[in-house]
Amino acid sequence: MISILITDDHPVVRQGIIQMLNDCYDIKIIDEASDGIECIKKIKKNPYDVLLLDISMPGRDGLEVLQEVKTIQPDLPVLMLSIYAEELYAIRALKLGAAGYLSKTSASNELITAIRSVADGKKYIPESVVENLVHNINTDKDKPLHHQLSNREMEVMRLLAEGYTLKKMADQLCLSPQTISTYRERILTKLNLTTTSEIIRYAFMEGLVKKNISKLK
């Protein structure tokens, strides 16, 4: 039986995953965590066969949590889940030690296949991500400017593009408004931009956020 820890800040998402997996004879849902802090606490206390980890969460994002998980339990397979910029986030996650990456919109049978694959010690990478990896071999000099951004800077840029205010971003990421402003300035510098509007435009042009989710938060 494959024991799983599902980490996602949305209860509806967690319950949806559980319903998908309920009828699988070889998968047993063991636990849930609503954020990175709870996830780390449970990883330290309990053994799991697979960790399902959302990339975008309040406070510490999934990529930060992934790095800590790999220091605590290096052999624990981590399957990252996200709705954002598949090609970019998948590559970042895999470089940080994730066993696989999957869009939250994937069909239930793909999720089950992915879980079984990583539990068996294999990697699970969607075909679109494989194609992107192949395309980027030996082409570092041609990569877009946003590849210079840190994981936290990427998260701040995504939230800006989704219409979050400075205060809402600070609350979402558990940081001070001053720190958010510092990240914003770093993004402007690295992308050779001058205004927040230009950051937002850049994010949409590069496909880093979904066009139908941008709104004031």
N, C-alpha and C. Protein backbone atom coordinates (compact mmCIF):
# COMPACT_ATOMS: atom_id res chain seq x y z
N MET A 1 0.83 -1.20 0.00
CA MET A 1 0.00 0.00 0.00
C MET A 1 0.87 1.26 0.00
N ILE A 2 0.51 2.23 -0.83
CA ILE A 2 1.26 3.47 -0.93
C ILE A 2 0.63 4.50 0.01
N SER A 3 1.40 4.94 0.97
CA SER A 3 0.90 5.96 1.91
C SER A 3 1.29 7.34 1.40
N ILE A 4 0.35 8.27 1.52
CA ILE A 4 0.53 9.58 0.91
C ILE A 4 0.25 10.71 1.90
N LEU A 5 1.06 11.77 1.81
CA LEU A 5 0.77 13.02 2.50
C LEU A 5 0.42 14.05 1.43
N ILE A 6 -0.79 14.60 1.51
CA ILE A 6 -1.25 15.62 0.55
C ILE A 6 -1.09 16.99 1.19
N THR A 7 -0.30 17.85 0.57
CA THR A 7 -0.09 19.19 1.10
C THR A 7 -0.59 20.23 0.12
N ASP A 8 -1.67 20.90 0.51
CA ASP A 8 -2.28 21.94 -0.33
C ASP A 8 -3.08 22.84 0.60
N ASP A 9 -3.05 24.15 0.36
CA ASP A 9 -3.75 25.06 1.28
C ASP A 9 -5.25 25.13 1.02
N HIS A 10 -5.73 24.45 -0.02
CA HIS A 10 -7.17 24.46 -0.32
C HIS A 10 -7.80 23.12 0.08
N PRO A 11 -8.68 23.12 1.09
CA PRO A 11 -9.34 21.87 1.52
C PRO A 11 -10.08 21.18 0.39
N VAL A 12 -10.70 21.96 -0.51
CA VAL A 12 -11.45 21.37 -1.61
C VAL A 12 -10.52 20.57 -2.53
N VAL A 13 -9.33 21.10 -2.76
CA VAL A 13 -8.36 20.40 -3.60
C VAL A 13 -7.94 19.09 -2.93
N ARG A 14 -7.65 19.16 -1.64
CA ARG A 14 -7.23 17.95 -0.91
C ARG A 14 -8.33 16.89 -0.97
N GLN A 15 -9.57 17.31 -0.75
CA GLN A 15 -10.67 16.35 -0.78
C GLN A 15 -10.88 15.79 -2.19
N GLY A 16 -10.67 16.64 -3.18
CA GLY A 16 -10.81 16.17 -4.56
C GLY A 16 -9.79 15.09 -4.89
N ILE A 17 -8.56 15.28 -4.41
CA ILE A 17 -7.52 14.27 -4.64
C ILE A 17 -7.87 12.97 -3.92
N ILE A 18 -8.34 13.11 -2.70
CA ILE A 18 -8.70 11.92 -1.93
C ILE A 18 -9.80 11.14 -2.65
N GLN A 19 -10.79 11.84 -3.17
CA GLN A 19 -11.87 11.16 -3.90
C GLN A 19 -11.34 10.45 -5.14
N MET A 20 -10.39 11.08 -5.83
CA MET A 20 -9.79 10.44 -7.01
C MET A 20 -9.11 9.11 -6.65
N LEU A 21 -8.51 9.08 -5.46
CA LEU A 21 -7.67 7.93 -5.10
C LEU A 21 -8.40 6.89 -4.25
N ASN A 22 -9.62 7.20 -3.84
CA ASN A 22 -10.34 6.32 -2.91
C ASN A 22 -10.49 4.89 -3.40
N ASP A 23 -10.67 4.70 -4.70
CA ASP A 23 -10.94 3.37 -5.22
C ASP A 23 -9.69 2.61 -5.66
N CYS A 24 -8.52 3.20 -5.44
CA CYS A 24 -7.27 2.54 -5.85
C CYS A 24 -6.88 1.49 -4.80
N TYR A 25 -6.75 0.26 -5.23
CA TYR A 25 -6.47 -0.83 -4.30
C TYR A 25 -5.11 -0.71 -3.63
N ASP A 26 -4.16 -0.03 -4.28
CA ASP A 26 -2.79 0.01 -3.76
C ASP A 26 -2.40 1.37 -3.19
N ILE A 27 -3.37 2.29 -3.07
CA ILE A 27 -3.06 3.62 -2.55
C ILE A 27 -3.88 3.88 -1.30
N LYS A 28 -3.17 4.30 -0.25
CA LYS A 28 -3.84 4.59 1.01
C LYS A 28 -3.53 6.03 1.41
N ILE A 29 -4.56 6.83 1.59
CA ILE A 29 -4.36 8.21 2.02
C ILE A 29 -4.09 8.22 3.51
N ILE A 30 -2.94 8.69 3.88
CA ILE A 30 -2.57 8.69 5.29
C ILE A 30 -2.85 10.02 5.96
N ASP A 31 -2.47 11.12 5.28
CA ASP A 31 -2.49 12.39 6.00
C ASP A 31 -2.66 13.57 5.05
N GLU A 32 -3.00 14.72 5.65
CA GLU A 32 -3.14 15.97 4.92
C GLU A 32 -2.41 17.08 5.66
N ALA A 33 -1.91 18.06 4.92
CA ALA A 33 -1.30 19.26 5.52
C ALA A 33 -1.79 20.46 4.73
N SER A 34 -2.05 21.56 5.43
CA SER A 34 -2.62 22.73 4.79
C SER A 34 -1.58 23.77 4.39
N ASP A 35 -0.33 23.59 4.84
CA ASP A 35 0.72 24.52 4.44
C ASP A 35 2.08 23.87 4.65
N GLY A 36 3.14 24.61 4.28
CA GLY A 36 4.48 24.05 4.36
C GLY A 36 4.93 23.72 5.76
N ILE A 37 4.56 24.55 6.72
CA ILE A 37 4.98 24.32 8.10
C ILE A 37 4.40 23.02 8.62
N GLU A 38 3.11 22.81 8.39
CA GLU A 38 2.46 21.57 8.84
C GLU A 38 3.05 20.37 8.11
N CYS A 39 3.34 20.54 6.84
CA CYS A 39 3.94 19.46 6.05
C CYS A 39 5.26 19.02 6.65
N ILE A 40 6.15 19.97 6.94
CA ILE A 40 7.46 19.65 7.49
C ILE A 40 7.33 18.94 8.83
N LYS A 41 6.42 19.42 9.67
CA LYS A 41 6.21 18.79 10.98
C LYS A 41 5.81 17.32 10.82
N LYS A 42 4.91 17.05 9.87
CA LYS A 42 4.44 15.68 9.68
C LYS A 42 5.50 14.80 9.04
N ILE A 43 6.29 15.38 8.14
CA ILE A 43 7.38 14.62 7.52
C ILE A 43 8.38 14.17 8.58
N LYS A 44 8.63 15.01 9.56
CA LYS A 44 9.58 14.69 10.63
C LYS A 44 9.07 13.59 11.56
N LYS A 45 7.74 13.50 11.68
CA LYS A 45 7.15 12.56 12.64
C LYS A 45 6.72 11.24 12.02
N ASN A 46 6.32 11.26 10.76
CA ASN A 46 5.68 10.08 10.17
C ASN A 46 6.35 9.66 8.86
N PRO A 47 6.33 8.35 8.59
CA PRO A 47 6.86 7.86 7.30
C PRO A 47 5.78 7.90 6.22
N TYR A 48 6.15 8.34 5.04
CA TYR A 48 5.24 8.35 3.89
C TYR A 48 5.96 7.76 2.69
N ASP A 49 5.19 7.24 1.76
CA ASP A 49 5.76 6.70 0.53
C ASP A 49 5.84 7.76 -0.56
N VAL A 50 4.89 8.71 -0.54
CA VAL A 50 4.85 9.78 -1.54
C VAL A 50 4.32 11.06 -0.89
N LEU A 51 4.92 12.18 -1.25
CA LEU A 51 4.40 13.48 -0.84
C LEU A 51 3.85 14.20 -2.06
N LEU A 52 2.57 14.56 -2.01
CA LEU A 52 1.96 15.41 -3.03
C LEU A 52 2.05 16.84 -2.52
N LEU A 53 2.74 17.70 -3.24
CA LEU A 53 3.05 19.03 -2.73
C LEU A 53 2.67 20.13 -3.72
N ASP A 54 1.80 21.03 -3.29
CA ASP A 54 1.39 22.16 -4.12
C ASP A 54 2.54 23.17 -4.19
N ILE A 55 2.77 23.73 -5.35
CA ILE A 55 3.85 24.70 -5.49
C ILE A 55 3.50 26.04 -4.86
N SER A 56 2.25 26.49 -5.00
CA SER A 56 1.86 27.81 -4.53
C SER A 56 1.05 27.71 -3.25
N MET A 57 1.68 28.13 -2.12
CA MET A 57 1.00 28.10 -0.83
C MET A 57 1.37 29.36 -0.05
N PRO A 58 0.54 29.76 0.93
CA PRO A 58 0.87 30.91 1.77
C PRO A 58 2.14 30.63 2.56
N GLY A 59 2.84 31.68 2.91
CA GLY A 59 4.06 31.50 3.68
C GLY A 59 5.16 30.93 2.80
N ARG A 60 5.63 29.77 3.16
CA ARG A 60 6.69 29.12 2.39
C ARG A 60 6.08 28.42 1.18
N ASP A 61 6.55 28.76 -0.01
CA ASP A 61 5.98 28.12 -1.18
C ASP A 61 6.50 26.69 -1.33
N GLY A 62 5.89 25.96 -2.25
CA GLY A 62 6.20 24.55 -2.39
C GLY A 62 7.64 24.25 -2.73
N LEU A 63 8.29 25.12 -3.50
CA LEU A 63 9.68 24.88 -3.87
C LEU A 63 10.60 25.00 -2.67
N GLU A 64 10.31 25.93 -1.77
CA GLU A 64 11.08 26.05 -0.53
C GLU A 64 10.87 24.82 0.35
N VAL A 65 9.62 24.41 0.45
CA VAL A 65 9.30 23.22 1.26
C VAL A 65 9.99 21.99 0.67
N LEU A 66 9.98 21.87 -0.64
CA LEU A 66 10.64 20.75 -1.30
C LEU A 66 12.11 20.66 -0.89
N GLN A 67 12.80 21.79 -0.89
CA GLN A 67 14.22 21.78 -0.53
C GLN A 67 14.42 21.26 0.89
N GLU A 68 13.56 21.68 1.83
CA GLU A 68 13.73 21.22 3.21
C GLU A 68 13.36 19.75 3.35
N VAL A 69 12.31 19.33 2.64
CA VAL A 69 11.92 17.92 2.68
C VAL A 69 13.07 17.03 2.23
N LYS A 70 13.79 17.45 1.20
CA LYS A 70 14.89 16.65 0.67
C LYS A 70 16.07 16.58 1.63
N THR A 71 16.17 17.54 2.55
CA THR A 71 17.22 17.46 3.57
C THR A 71 16.80 16.55 4.72
N ILE A 72 15.49 16.48 4.98
CA ILE A 72 14.98 15.65 6.08
C ILE A 72 14.86 14.20 5.65
N GLN A 73 14.22 13.99 4.50
CA GLN A 73 14.04 12.64 3.95
C GLN A 73 14.43 12.65 2.47
N PRO A 74 15.72 12.52 2.19
CA PRO A 74 16.19 12.62 0.80
C PRO A 74 15.55 11.61 -0.15
N ASP A 75 15.15 10.46 0.38
CA ASP A 75 14.61 9.40 -0.48
C ASP A 75 13.09 9.46 -0.65
N LEU A 76 12.45 10.42 0.00
CA LEU A 76 11.00 10.52 -0.12
C LEU A 76 10.62 11.10 -1.49
N PRO A 77 9.89 10.38 -2.32
CA PRO A 77 9.48 10.91 -3.62
C PRO A 77 8.46 12.04 -3.44
N VAL A 78 8.74 13.16 -4.09
CA VAL A 78 7.85 14.31 -4.01
C VAL A 78 7.26 14.59 -5.39
N LEU A 79 5.94 14.55 -5.47
CA LEU A 79 5.24 14.85 -6.72
C LEU A 79 4.64 16.24 -6.59
N MET A 80 5.15 17.18 -7.39
CA MET A 80 4.71 18.56 -7.30
C MET A 80 3.43 18.77 -8.11
N LEU A 81 2.52 19.57 -7.56
CA LEU A 81 1.26 19.89 -8.23
C LEU A 81 1.15 21.40 -8.40
N SER A 82 0.68 21.84 -9.56
CA SER A 82 0.55 23.28 -9.79
C SER A 82 -0.40 23.57 -10.94
N ILE A 83 -0.88 24.81 -10.98
CA ILE A 83 -1.68 25.26 -12.12
C ILE A 83 -0.93 26.32 -12.91
N TYR A 84 0.31 26.62 -12.48
CA TYR A 84 1.04 27.72 -13.09
C TYR A 84 2.18 27.28 -13.99
N ALA A 85 2.37 27.98 -15.08
CA ALA A 85 3.55 27.95 -15.94
C ALA A 85 4.28 26.62 -15.88
N GLU A 86 3.65 25.60 -16.40
CA GLU A 86 4.16 24.24 -16.28
C GLU A 86 5.63 24.09 -16.64
N GLU A 87 6.02 24.63 -17.80
CA GLU A 87 7.37 24.41 -18.27
C GLU A 87 8.40 24.98 -17.31
N LEU A 88 8.15 26.19 -16.81
CA LEU A 88 9.12 26.84 -15.93
C LEU A 88 9.17 26.18 -14.57
N TYR A 89 8.02 26.04 -13.91
CA TYR A 89 8.01 25.51 -12.56
C TYR A 89 8.41 24.04 -12.51
N ALA A 90 8.05 23.28 -13.53
CA ALA A 90 8.43 21.86 -13.54
C ALA A 90 9.93 21.71 -13.55
N ILE A 91 10.61 22.48 -14.38
CA ILE A 91 12.06 22.38 -14.47
C ILE A 91 12.70 22.78 -13.16
N ARG A 92 12.22 23.85 -12.56
CA ARG A 92 12.76 24.28 -11.26
C ARG A 92 12.57 23.19 -10.20
N ALA A 93 11.37 22.61 -10.17
CA ALA A 93 11.08 21.58 -9.17
C ALA A 93 11.97 20.36 -9.36
N LEU A 94 12.14 19.92 -10.59
CA LEU A 94 12.96 18.75 -10.86
C LEU A 94 14.41 19.00 -10.48
N LYS A 95 14.90 20.20 -10.73
CA LYS A 95 16.27 20.54 -10.36
C LYS A 95 16.47 20.51 -8.85
N LEU A 96 15.39 20.79 -8.11
CA LEU A 96 15.48 20.80 -6.64
C LEU A 96 15.24 19.42 -6.03
N GLY A 97 15.01 18.41 -6.87
CA GLY A 97 14.90 17.06 -6.35
C GLY A 97 13.53 16.43 -6.41
N ALA A 98 12.55 17.10 -7.01
CA ALA A 98 11.22 16.50 -7.13
C ALA A 98 11.28 15.25 -8.01
N ALA A 99 10.44 14.28 -7.67
CA ALA A 99 10.39 13.04 -8.46
C ALA A 99 9.47 13.19 -9.66
N GLY A 100 8.61 14.19 -9.62
CA GLY A 100 7.68 14.38 -10.72
C GLY A 100 6.94 15.69 -10.60
N TYR A 101 6.22 16.02 -11.66
CA TYR A 101 5.47 17.26 -11.72
C TYR A 101 4.18 17.00 -12.47
N LEU A 102 3.09 17.57 -11.97
CA LEU A 102 1.81 17.32 -12.61
C LEU A 102 0.91 18.54 -12.45
N SER A 103 0.17 18.85 -13.49
CA SER A 103 -0.80 19.94 -13.41
C SER A 103 -2.00 19.49 -12.60
N LYS A 104 -2.57 20.41 -11.84
CA LYS A 104 -3.76 20.09 -11.05
C LYS A 104 -4.97 19.77 -11.94
N THR A 105 -4.89 20.19 -13.17
CA THR A 105 -6.00 19.94 -14.08
C THR A 105 -5.89 18.58 -14.78
N SER A 106 -4.88 17.81 -14.46
CA SER A 106 -4.70 16.51 -15.10
C SER A 106 -5.81 15.55 -14.70
N ALA A 107 -6.08 14.60 -15.55
CA ALA A 107 -7.12 13.60 -15.27
C ALA A 107 -6.70 12.71 -14.11
N SER A 108 -7.69 12.13 -13.45
CA SER A 108 -7.41 11.29 -12.27
C SER A 108 -6.51 10.11 -12.61
N ASN A 109 -6.69 9.53 -13.80
CA ASN A 109 -5.86 8.37 -14.13
C ASN A 109 -4.39 8.77 -14.30
N GLU A 110 -4.13 10.02 -14.73
CA GLU A 110 -2.74 10.46 -14.84
C GLU A 110 -2.14 10.68 -13.47
N LEU A 111 -2.92 11.21 -12.54
CA LEU A 111 -2.45 11.39 -11.17
C LEU A 111 -2.10 10.05 -10.55
N ILE A 112 -2.95 9.07 -10.74
CA ILE A 112 -2.70 7.73 -10.19
C ILE A 112 -1.44 7.13 -10.80
N THR A 113 -1.28 7.26 -12.10
CA THR A 113 -0.08 6.76 -12.77
C THR A 113 1.17 7.44 -12.23
N ALA A 114 1.08 8.76 -12.03
CA ALA A 114 2.22 9.52 -11.53
C ALA A 114 2.60 9.06 -10.12
N ILE A 115 1.60 8.88 -9.26
CA ILE A 115 1.86 8.43 -7.89
C ILE A 115 2.54 7.07 -7.89
N ARG A 116 2.03 6.15 -8.66
CA ARG A 116 2.61 4.81 -8.71
C ARG A 116 4.03 4.84 -9.26
N SER A 117 4.27 5.70 -10.23
CA SER A 117 5.60 5.80 -10.83
C SER A 117 6.64 6.30 -9.83
N VAL A 118 6.32 7.40 -9.14
CA VAL A 118 7.31 7.95 -8.21
C VAL A 118 7.47 7.06 -6.98
N ALA A 119 6.39 6.38 -6.57
CA ALA A 119 6.48 5.45 -5.45
C ALA A 119 7.38 4.27 -5.78
N ASP A 120 7.46 3.96 -7.08
CA ASP A 120 8.29 2.85 -7.55
C ASP A 120 9.72 3.29 -7.85
N GLY A 121 10.03 4.53 -7.50
CA GLY A 121 11.39 5.01 -7.69
C GLY A 121 11.66 5.62 -9.05
N LYS A 122 10.62 5.82 -9.84
CA LYS A 122 10.79 6.40 -11.18
C LYS A 122 10.45 7.89 -11.16
N LYS A 123 10.79 8.55 -12.26
CA LYS A 123 10.42 9.96 -12.44
C LYS A 123 9.13 10.02 -13.24
N TYR A 124 8.33 11.04 -12.96
CA TYR A 124 7.14 11.25 -13.77
C TYR A 124 7.16 12.68 -14.29
N ILE A 125 7.34 12.81 -15.60
CA ILE A 125 7.43 14.12 -16.22
C ILE A 125 6.49 14.17 -17.42
N PRO A 126 5.54 15.10 -17.45
CA PRO A 126 4.63 15.21 -18.59
C PRO A 126 5.39 15.42 -19.89
N GLU A 127 4.80 14.97 -20.98
CA GLU A 127 5.46 15.05 -22.29
C GLU A 127 5.83 16.49 -22.65
N SER A 128 4.97 17.44 -22.32
CA SER A 128 5.25 18.83 -22.65
C SER A 128 6.50 19.34 -21.95
N VAL A 129 6.71 18.86 -20.71
CA VAL A 129 7.90 19.27 -19.96
C VAL A 129 9.15 18.62 -20.55
N VAL A 130 9.03 17.35 -20.95
CA VAL A 130 10.15 16.66 -21.58
C VAL A 130 10.59 17.41 -22.83
N GLU A 131 9.62 17.80 -23.64
CA GLU A 131 9.94 18.53 -24.87
C GLU A 131 10.65 19.84 -24.56
N ASN A 132 10.21 20.50 -23.49
CA ASN A 132 10.83 21.77 -23.12
C ASN A 132 12.26 21.57 -22.62
N LEU A 133 12.47 20.49 -21.87
CA LEU A 133 13.82 20.18 -21.38
C LEU A 133 14.76 19.92 -22.54
N VAL A 134 14.29 19.14 -23.50
CA VAL A 134 15.12 18.83 -24.66
C VAL A 134 15.45 20.11 -25.44
N HIS A 135 14.43 20.95 -25.57
CA HIS A 135 14.61 22.19 -26.33
C HIS A 135 15.64 23.11 -25.68
N ASN A 136 15.74 23.03 -24.35
CA ASN A 136 16.63 23.95 -23.63
C ASN A 136 18.03 23.40 -23.38
N ILE A 137 18.32 22.20 -23.87
CA ILE A 137 19.67 21.65 -23.68
C ILE A 137 20.68 22.55 -24.39
N ASN A 138 21.68 22.96 -23.65
CA ASN A 138 22.77 23.78 -24.20
C ASN A 138 22.31 25.11 -24.79
N THR A 139 21.19 25.64 -24.27
CA THR A 139 20.73 26.93 -24.78
C THR A 139 20.55 27.95 -23.66
N ASP A 140 21.39 27.85 -22.61
CA ASP A 140 21.26 28.74 -21.46
C ASP A 140 21.32 30.21 -21.87
N LYS A 141 22.16 30.52 -22.85
CA LYS A 141 22.32 31.92 -23.23
C LYS A 141 21.05 32.49 -23.87
N ASP A 142 20.19 31.62 -24.35
CA ASP A 142 18.96 32.08 -24.99
C ASP A 142 17.76 32.08 -24.06
N LYS A 143 17.96 31.74 -22.81
CA LYS A 143 16.84 31.65 -21.89
C LYS A 143 16.28 33.03 -21.58
N PRO A 144 14.97 33.14 -21.35
CA PRO A 144 14.36 34.43 -21.00
C PRO A 144 14.95 34.97 -19.70
N LEU A 145 14.80 36.28 -19.51
CA LEU A 145 15.39 36.93 -18.34
C LEU A 145 14.84 36.41 -17.03
N HIS A 146 13.57 35.93 -17.03
CA HIS A 146 12.99 35.51 -15.75
C HIS A 146 13.65 34.26 -15.18
N HIS A 147 14.47 33.57 -15.97
CA HIS A 147 15.19 32.42 -15.43
C HIS A 147 16.24 32.85 -14.41
N GLN A 148 16.54 34.15 -14.37
CA GLN A 148 17.48 34.65 -13.37
C GLN A 148 16.83 34.82 -12.00
N LEU A 149 15.51 34.85 -11.97
CA LEU A 149 14.79 35.13 -10.72
C LEU A 149 14.88 33.95 -9.76
N SER A 150 14.93 34.28 -8.47
CA SER A 150 14.87 33.24 -7.45
C SER A 150 13.44 32.72 -7.35
N ASN A 151 13.27 31.62 -6.63
CA ASN A 151 11.92 31.07 -6.47
C ASN A 151 10.98 32.07 -5.81
N ARG A 152 11.48 32.79 -4.80
CA ARG A 152 10.64 33.77 -4.12
C ARG A 152 10.31 34.95 -5.03
N GLU A 153 11.27 35.38 -5.83
CA GLU A 153 11.01 36.46 -6.77
C GLU A 153 9.98 36.05 -7.81
N MET A 154 10.04 34.79 -8.24
CA MET A 154 9.04 34.28 -9.17
C MET A 154 7.65 34.32 -8.54
N GLU A 155 7.57 33.95 -7.26
CA GLU A 155 6.28 33.95 -6.57
C GLU A 155 5.72 35.37 -6.46
N VAL A 156 6.58 36.32 -6.13
CA VAL A 156 6.14 37.72 -6.03
C VAL A 156 5.67 38.22 -7.39
N MET A 157 6.38 37.90 -8.45
CA MET A 157 5.97 38.32 -9.78
C MET A 157 4.62 37.72 -10.15
N ARG A 158 4.42 36.45 -9.82
CA ARG A 158 3.14 35.80 -10.12
C ARG A 158 1.99 36.50 -9.39
N LEU A 159 2.19 36.81 -8.12
CA LEU A 159 1.14 37.46 -7.35
C LEU A 159 0.86 38.88 -7.87
N LEU A 160 1.91 39.58 -8.26
CA LEU A 160 1.71 40.90 -8.87
C LEU A 160 0.83 40.78 -10.11
N ALA A 161 1.13 39.79 -10.94
CA ALA A 161 0.38 39.61 -12.18
C ALA A 161 -1.06 39.19 -11.92
N GLU A 162 -1.31 38.56 -10.77
CA GLU A 162 -2.67 38.16 -10.43
C GLU A 162 -3.46 39.29 -9.78
N GLY A 163 -2.81 40.44 -9.57
CA GLY A 163 -3.51 41.59 -9.06
C GLY A 163 -3.47 41.77 -7.55
N TYR A 164 -2.61 41.04 -6.88
CA TYR A 164 -2.50 41.19 -5.43
C TYR A 164 -1.94 42.56 -5.07
N THR A 165 -2.47 43.18 -4.03
CA THR A 165 -1.90 44.41 -3.50
C THR A 165 -0.66 44.07 -2.68
N LEU A 166 0.12 45.08 -2.35
CA LEU A 166 1.34 44.88 -1.56
C LEU A 166 1.02 44.22 -0.22
N LYS A 167 -0.04 44.70 0.44
CA LYS A 167 -0.41 44.14 1.74
C LYS A 167 -0.88 42.69 1.60
N LYS A 168 -1.69 42.41 0.58
CA LYS A 168 -2.18 41.05 0.38
C LYS A 168 -1.02 40.09 0.08
N MET A 169 -0.05 40.57 -0.69
CA MET A 169 1.12 39.73 -0.96
C MET A 169 1.90 39.45 0.32
N ALA A 170 2.06 40.48 1.13
CA ALA A 170 2.77 40.31 2.40
C ALA A 170 2.06 39.28 3.28
N ASP A 171 0.73 39.35 3.33
CA ASP A 171 -0.04 38.40 4.12
C ASP A 171 0.07 36.99 3.55
N GLN A 172 -0.02 36.89 2.22
CA GLN A 172 0.02 35.59 1.55
C GLN A 172 1.35 34.88 1.77
N LEU A 173 2.44 35.65 1.72
CA LEU A 173 3.78 35.06 1.81
C LEU A 173 4.36 35.14 3.22
N CYS A 174 3.60 35.71 4.16
CA CYS A 174 4.06 35.86 5.54
C CYS A 174 5.36 36.65 5.60
N LEU A 175 5.39 37.74 4.86
CA LEU A 175 6.54 38.63 4.83
C LEU A 175 6.08 40.04 5.11
N SER A 176 7.01 40.94 5.38
CA SER A 176 6.65 42.33 5.60
C SER A 176 6.47 43.04 4.26
N PRO A 177 5.65 44.10 4.23
CA PRO A 177 5.51 44.87 2.99
C PRO A 177 6.85 45.40 2.47
N GLN A 178 7.74 45.76 3.41
CA GLN A 178 9.06 46.25 3.00
C GLN A 178 9.85 45.17 2.26
N THR A 179 9.73 43.93 2.73
CA THR A 179 10.43 42.82 2.07
C THR A 179 9.86 42.59 0.68
N ILE A 180 8.54 42.66 0.57
CA ILE A 180 7.90 42.50 -0.74
C ILE A 180 8.39 43.58 -1.69
N SER A 181 8.51 44.81 -1.20
CA SER A 181 9.00 45.90 -2.04
C SER A 181 10.43 45.64 -2.51
N THR A 182 11.22 45.05 -1.63
CA THR A 182 12.60 44.72 -2.00
C THR A 182 12.63 43.68 -3.11
N TYR A 183 11.77 42.67 -3.00
CA TYR A 183 11.70 41.65 -4.05
C TYR A 183 11.24 42.28 -5.36
N ARG A 184 10.29 43.19 -5.28
CA ARG A 184 9.80 43.87 -6.48
C ARG A 184 10.94 44.62 -7.16
N GLU A 185 11.76 45.32 -6.39
CA GLU A 185 12.88 46.07 -6.97
C GLU A 185 13.89 45.13 -7.62
N ARG A 186 14.11 43.98 -7.01
CA ARG A 186 15.04 43.01 -7.59
C ARG A 186 14.51 42.48 -8.92
N ILE A 187 13.19 42.25 -8.97
CA ILE A 187 12.57 41.76 -10.21
C ILE A 187 12.73 42.80 -11.31
N LEU A 188 12.46 44.06 -10.99
CA LEU A 188 12.60 45.13 -11.97
C LEU A 188 14.02 45.19 -12.52
N THR A 189 14.99 45.06 -11.62
CA THR A 189 16.39 45.13 -12.04
C THR A 189 16.76 43.96 -12.94
N LYS A 190 16.40 42.75 -12.53
CA LYS A 190 16.79 41.56 -13.29
C LYS A 190 16.09 41.48 -14.65
N LEU A 191 14.89 42.04 -14.75
CA LEU A 191 14.14 41.97 -16.00
C LEU A 191 14.32 43.23 -16.86
N ASN A 192 15.12 44.17 -16.35
CA ASN A 192 15.35 45.43 -17.06
C ASN A 192 14.04 46.19 -17.29
N LEU A 193 13.21 46.23 -16.25
CA LEU A 193 11.93 46.92 -16.32
C LEU A 193 11.93 48.10 -15.35
N THR A 194 10.87 48.93 -15.41
CA THR A 194 10.84 50.11 -14.54
C THR A 194 9.57 50.23 -13.71
N THR A 195 8.49 49.56 -14.10
CA THR A 195 7.22 49.71 -13.37
C THR A 195 6.57 48.35 -13.10
N THR A 196 5.65 48.36 -12.14
CA THR A 196 4.89 47.15 -11.83
C THR A 196 4.06 46.71 -13.03
N SER A 197 3.51 47.67 -13.77
CA SER A 197 2.71 47.34 -14.96
C SER A 197 3.55 46.56 -15.98
N GLU A 198 4.81 46.91 -16.09
CA GLU A 198 5.69 46.20 -17.02
C GLU A 198 5.96 44.78 -16.54
N ILE A 199 6.06 44.60 -15.23
CA ILE A 199 6.23 43.25 -14.67
C ILE A 199 5.02 42.40 -15.02
N ILE A 200 3.84 42.97 -14.82
CA ILE A 200 2.59 42.24 -15.10
C ILE A 200 2.51 41.88 -16.57
N ARG A 201 2.82 42.83 -17.43
CA ARG A 201 2.79 42.58 -18.87
C ARG A 201 3.79 41.48 -19.26
N TYR A 202 4.97 41.54 -18.67
CA TYR A 202 6.00 40.54 -18.95
C TYR A 202 5.52 39.15 -18.54
N ALA A 203 4.92 39.05 -17.35
CA ALA A 203 4.45 37.76 -16.84
C ALA A 203 3.43 37.13 -17.78
N PHE A 204 2.52 37.94 -18.30
CA PHE A 204 1.51 37.41 -19.21
C PHE A 204 2.10 37.05 -20.57
N MET A 205 3.01 37.87 -21.06
CA MET A 205 3.62 37.61 -22.36
C MET A 205 4.44 36.32 -22.34
N GLU A 206 5.05 36.02 -21.20
CA GLU A 206 5.87 34.81 -21.08
C GLU A 206 5.06 33.60 -20.63
N GLY A 207 3.76 33.78 -20.43
CA GLY A 207 2.91 32.66 -20.04
C GLY A 207 3.15 32.16 -18.63
N LEU A 208 3.58 33.05 -17.73
CA LEU A 208 3.90 32.64 -16.37
C LEU A 208 2.68 32.60 -15.46
N VAL A 209 1.58 33.15 -15.91
CA VAL A 209 0.32 33.10 -15.17
C VAL A 209 -0.80 32.85 -16.16
N LYS A 210 -1.91 32.38 -15.66
CA LYS A 210 -3.07 32.12 -16.51
C LYS A 210 -3.83 33.42 -16.74
N LYS A 211 -4.20 33.68 -17.98
CA LYS A 211 -4.83 34.95 -18.32
C LYS A 211 -6.18 35.14 -17.66
N ASN A 212 -6.87 34.07 -17.32
CA ASN A 212 -8.22 34.21 -16.80
C ASN A 212 -8.28 34.34 -15.28
N ILE A 213 -7.09 34.49 -14.63
CA ILE A 213 -7.14 34.59 -13.18
C ILE A 213 -6.68 35.97 -12.68
N SER A 214 -6.27 36.82 -13.57
CA SER A 214 -5.79 38.13 -13.15
C SER A 214 -6.96 39.00 -12.71
N LYS A 215 -6.91 39.41 -11.45
CA LYS A 215 -7.95 40.29 -10.91
C LYS A 215 -7.45 40.88 -9.62
N LEU A 216 -8.09 41.94 -9.18
CA LEU A 216 -7.67 42.56 -7.93
C LEU A 216 -8.00 41.66 -6.76
N LYS A 217 -7.04 41.50 -5.84
CA LYS A 217 -7.25 40.62 -4.69
C LYS A 217 -7.49 41.46 -3.45
